[in-house]
Amino acid sequence: MTSYSLLDDLKGSRVIVTGASGFIGGHVVRALQQYSSCDIIATGRDQEKLNRLEVPSVAMDLSCCEPDTYEKLGCPDTLVHLA
């Protein structure tokens, strides 16, 4: 039997986590830091909470994004949407 892990698929990819300044989003970022070798970009509304995650982050309100937001965030491969 072959073992499969989603974390294996994220290896080496760029992952953006929205809502990372919230409770669940922060825990997802920490889990990715611990168990995956992906590049993480955290977004949320509270820059102070994002800074505590010790990953690249952008404080933003997703309800009013610019058309080039995807490019500004480094063209991530994967989106974990928790906002």
N, C-alpha and C. Protein backbone atom coordinates (compact mmCIF):
# COMPACT_ATOMS: atom_id res chain seq x y z
N MET A 1 0.84 -1.17 0.00
CA MET A 1 0.00 0.00 0.00
C MET A 1 0.90 1.24 0.00
N THR A 2 0.57 2.20 -0.85
CA THR A 2 1.33 3.43 -0.96
C THR A 2 0.75 4.50 -0.06
N SER A 3 1.62 5.18 0.65
CA SER A 3 1.19 6.26 1.54
C SER A 3 1.18 7.56 0.75
N TYR A 4 0.16 8.38 0.95
CA TYR A 4 0.03 9.65 0.26
C TYR A 4 -0.13 10.77 1.28
N SER A 5 0.53 11.86 1.03
CA SER A 5 0.41 13.02 1.91
C SER A 5 0.29 14.27 1.06
N LEU A 6 -0.68 15.08 1.36
CA LEU A 6 -0.83 16.37 0.68
C LEU A 6 0.43 17.20 0.84
N LEU A 7 1.08 17.08 1.98
CA LEU A 7 2.30 17.84 2.24
C LEU A 7 3.39 17.51 1.23
N ASP A 8 3.41 16.27 0.73
CA ASP A 8 4.37 15.90 -0.30
C ASP A 8 4.15 16.70 -1.57
N ASP A 9 2.88 16.95 -1.90
CA ASP A 9 2.56 17.72 -3.10
C ASP A 9 2.97 19.18 -2.98
N LEU A 10 3.05 19.69 -1.77
CA LEU A 10 3.40 21.09 -1.56
C LEU A 10 4.91 21.34 -1.54
N LYS A 11 5.68 20.28 -1.51
CA LYS A 11 7.14 20.39 -1.42
C LYS A 11 7.68 21.28 -2.54
N GLY A 12 8.39 22.33 -2.15
CA GLY A 12 9.02 23.22 -3.12
C GLY A 12 8.08 24.22 -3.76
N SER A 13 6.82 24.21 -3.42
CA SER A 13 5.88 25.14 -4.03
C SER A 13 5.70 26.39 -3.18
N ARG A 14 5.09 27.39 -3.77
CA ARG A 14 4.79 28.64 -3.06
C ARG A 14 3.32 28.59 -2.67
N VAL A 15 3.06 28.70 -1.36
CA VAL A 15 1.70 28.56 -0.83
C VAL A 15 1.29 29.87 -0.15
N ILE A 16 0.13 30.37 -0.52
CA ILE A 16 -0.40 31.54 0.16
C ILE A 16 -1.53 31.09 1.08
N VAL A 17 -1.52 31.59 2.31
CA VAL A 17 -2.55 31.28 3.28
C VAL A 17 -3.28 32.58 3.61
N THR A 18 -4.55 32.66 3.21
CA THR A 18 -5.34 33.84 3.56
C THR A 18 -5.92 33.62 4.95
N GLY A 19 -6.17 34.70 5.65
CA GLY A 19 -6.70 34.58 7.01
C GLY A 19 -5.67 34.09 8.01
N ALA A 20 -4.40 34.27 7.69
CA ALA A 20 -3.33 33.74 8.54
C ALA A 20 -3.21 34.46 9.87
N SER A 21 -3.80 35.64 10.00
CA SER A 21 -3.76 36.33 11.29
C SER A 21 -4.87 35.86 12.22
N GLY A 22 -5.72 34.97 11.72
CA GLY A 22 -6.78 34.38 12.56
C GLY A 22 -6.31 33.10 13.22
N PHE A 23 -7.17 32.53 14.04
CA PHE A 23 -6.84 31.34 14.82
C PHE A 23 -6.49 30.14 13.93
N ILE A 24 -7.39 29.78 13.03
CA ILE A 24 -7.16 28.59 12.19
C ILE A 24 -6.04 28.85 11.19
N GLY A 25 -6.06 30.01 10.55
CA GLY A 25 -5.02 30.33 9.58
C GLY A 25 -3.63 30.32 10.18
N GLY A 26 -3.50 30.86 11.39
CA GLY A 26 -2.20 30.84 12.06
C GLY A 26 -1.71 29.43 12.34
N HIS A 27 -2.64 28.56 12.73
CA HIS A 27 -2.26 27.16 12.98
C HIS A 27 -1.89 26.44 11.69
N VAL A 28 -2.57 26.75 10.61
CA VAL A 28 -2.21 26.14 9.32
C VAL A 28 -0.81 26.58 8.91
N VAL A 29 -0.50 27.86 9.05
CA VAL A 29 0.84 28.35 8.72
C VAL A 29 1.90 27.63 9.56
N ARG A 30 1.66 27.50 10.85
CA ARG A 30 2.63 26.82 11.72
C ARG A 30 2.80 25.35 11.33
N ALA A 31 1.71 24.70 10.96
CA ALA A 31 1.80 23.29 10.53
C ALA A 31 2.60 23.18 9.23
N LEU A 32 2.36 24.09 8.30
CA LEU A 32 3.13 24.07 7.05
C LEU A 32 4.61 24.31 7.32
N GLN A 33 4.90 25.21 8.25
CA GLN A 33 6.30 25.47 8.61
C GLN A 33 6.96 24.21 9.17
N GLN A 34 6.22 23.50 9.98
CA GLN A 34 6.78 22.34 10.67
C GLN A 34 6.87 21.10 9.78
N TYR A 35 5.87 20.88 8.94
CA TYR A 35 5.78 19.60 8.24
C TYR A 35 6.01 19.66 6.74
N SER A 36 6.20 20.82 6.18
CA SER A 36 6.36 20.93 4.74
C SER A 36 7.55 21.81 4.39
N SER A 37 8.11 21.58 3.24
CA SER A 37 9.23 22.41 2.79
C SER A 37 8.78 23.33 1.67
N CYS A 38 7.65 24.01 1.89
CA CYS A 38 7.13 24.94 0.90
C CYS A 38 7.44 26.38 1.33
N ASP A 39 7.36 27.29 0.39
CA ASP A 39 7.50 28.71 0.69
C ASP A 39 6.11 29.24 1.03
N ILE A 40 5.97 29.85 2.19
CA ILE A 40 4.68 30.29 2.69
C ILE A 40 4.60 31.81 2.64
N ILE A 41 3.48 32.32 2.15
CA ILE A 41 3.17 33.74 2.22
C ILE A 41 1.86 33.85 2.98
N ALA A 42 1.87 34.58 4.07
CA ALA A 42 0.69 34.71 4.92
C ALA A 42 0.00 36.05 4.63
N THR A 43 -1.32 36.03 4.52
CA THR A 43 -2.07 37.27 4.40
C THR A 43 -3.15 37.31 5.48
N GLY A 44 -3.48 38.51 5.86
CA GLY A 44 -4.51 38.72 6.87
C GLY A 44 -4.65 40.21 7.09
N ARG A 45 -5.52 40.59 7.97
CA ARG A 45 -5.75 42.02 8.22
C ARG A 45 -4.85 42.62 9.28
N ASP A 46 -4.30 41.80 10.15
CA ASP A 46 -3.54 42.30 11.31
C ASP A 46 -2.05 42.03 11.12
N GLN A 47 -1.31 43.06 10.72
CA GLN A 47 0.12 42.89 10.45
C GLN A 47 0.89 42.45 11.69
N GLU A 48 0.51 42.92 12.86
CA GLU A 48 1.20 42.53 14.09
C GLU A 48 1.11 41.02 14.32
N LYS A 49 -0.08 40.44 14.13
CA LYS A 49 -0.23 38.99 14.28
C LYS A 49 0.51 38.24 13.18
N LEU A 50 0.51 38.78 11.96
CA LEU A 50 1.24 38.14 10.86
C LEU A 50 2.73 38.11 11.16
N ASN A 51 3.25 39.18 11.74
CA ASN A 51 4.69 39.24 12.06
C ASN A 51 5.11 38.13 13.01
N ARG A 52 4.22 37.72 13.89
CA ARG A 52 4.53 36.66 14.86
C ARG A 52 4.73 35.30 14.19
N LEU A 53 4.21 35.15 12.98
CA LEU A 53 4.32 33.87 12.28
C LEU A 53 5.71 33.64 11.68
N GLU A 54 6.48 34.70 11.57
CA GLU A 54 7.86 34.62 11.07
C GLU A 54 7.95 34.02 9.67
N VAL A 55 7.02 34.40 8.81
CA VAL A 55 7.06 34.06 7.39
C VAL A 55 6.77 35.36 6.63
N PRO A 56 7.13 35.43 5.34
CA PRO A 56 6.75 36.62 4.57
C PRO A 56 5.24 36.82 4.66
N SER A 57 4.83 38.07 4.84
CA SER A 57 3.41 38.33 5.01
C SER A 57 3.01 39.66 4.41
N VAL A 58 1.71 39.76 4.11
CA VAL A 58 1.13 40.98 3.57
C VAL A 58 -0.18 41.21 4.28
N ALA A 59 -0.30 42.37 4.94
CA ALA A 59 -1.57 42.73 5.56
C ALA A 59 -2.45 43.32 4.46
N MET A 60 -3.63 42.73 4.30
CA MET A 60 -4.53 43.20 3.25
C MET A 60 -5.96 42.79 3.53
N ASP A 61 -6.87 43.53 2.95
CA ASP A 61 -8.29 43.22 3.00
C ASP A 61 -8.67 42.63 1.66
N LEU A 62 -9.00 41.36 1.62
CA LEU A 62 -9.29 40.68 0.36
C LEU A 62 -10.54 41.19 -0.33
N SER A 63 -11.37 41.94 0.38
CA SER A 63 -12.59 42.43 -0.25
C SER A 63 -12.32 43.60 -1.20
N CYS A 64 -11.12 44.13 -1.17
CA CYS A 64 -10.80 45.26 -2.06
C CYS A 64 -9.41 45.09 -2.66
N CYS A 65 -9.17 43.96 -3.32
CA CYS A 65 -7.88 43.67 -3.93
C CYS A 65 -7.74 44.37 -5.28
N GLU A 66 -6.51 44.66 -5.60
CA GLU A 66 -6.18 45.22 -6.91
C GLU A 66 -6.11 44.07 -7.93
N PRO A 67 -6.28 44.38 -9.22
CA PRO A 67 -6.22 43.32 -10.24
C PRO A 67 -4.89 42.57 -10.29
N ASP A 68 -3.80 43.21 -9.85
CA ASP A 68 -2.48 42.56 -9.92
C ASP A 68 -2.05 41.94 -8.59
N THR A 69 -2.99 41.67 -7.71
CA THR A 69 -2.67 41.10 -6.39
C THR A 69 -1.94 39.77 -6.52
N TYR A 70 -2.35 38.92 -7.44
CA TYR A 70 -1.71 37.61 -7.65
C TYR A 70 -0.21 37.80 -7.92
N GLU A 71 0.13 38.72 -8.79
CA GLU A 71 1.53 38.97 -9.12
C GLU A 71 2.27 39.58 -7.93
N LYS A 72 1.63 40.49 -7.20
CA LYS A 72 2.27 41.12 -6.04
C LYS A 72 2.58 40.10 -4.95
N LEU A 73 1.82 39.02 -4.90
CA LEU A 73 2.03 37.97 -3.89
C LEU A 73 3.00 36.90 -4.39
N GLY A 74 3.63 37.12 -5.52
CA GLY A 74 4.64 36.21 -5.99
C GLY A 74 4.12 35.03 -6.80
N CYS A 75 2.93 35.14 -7.35
CA CYS A 75 2.33 34.09 -8.19
C CYS A 75 2.37 32.72 -7.51
N PRO A 76 1.66 32.59 -6.39
CA PRO A 76 1.68 31.32 -5.65
C PRO A 76 1.13 30.15 -6.46
N ASP A 77 1.62 28.95 -6.13
CA ASP A 77 1.14 27.73 -6.78
C ASP A 77 -0.13 27.21 -6.14
N THR A 78 -0.28 27.46 -4.82
CA THR A 78 -1.38 26.90 -4.05
C THR A 78 -1.99 27.98 -3.17
N LEU A 79 -3.30 27.98 -3.05
CA LEU A 79 -4.01 28.91 -2.18
C LEU A 79 -4.76 28.13 -1.11
N VAL A 80 -4.51 28.47 0.14
CA VAL A 80 -5.27 27.92 1.26
C VAL A 80 -6.12 29.09 1.77
N HIS A 81 -7.39 29.10 1.41
CA HIS A 81 -8.26 30.24 1.66
C HIS A 81 -9.02 30.05 2.96
N LEU A 82 -8.64 30.81 3.99
CA LEU A 82 -9.25 30.71 5.31
C LEU A 82 -9.79 32.05 5.79
N ALA A 83 -9.86 33.02 4.89
CA ALA A 83 -10.36 34.36 5.26
C ALA A 83 -11.88 34.38 5.20
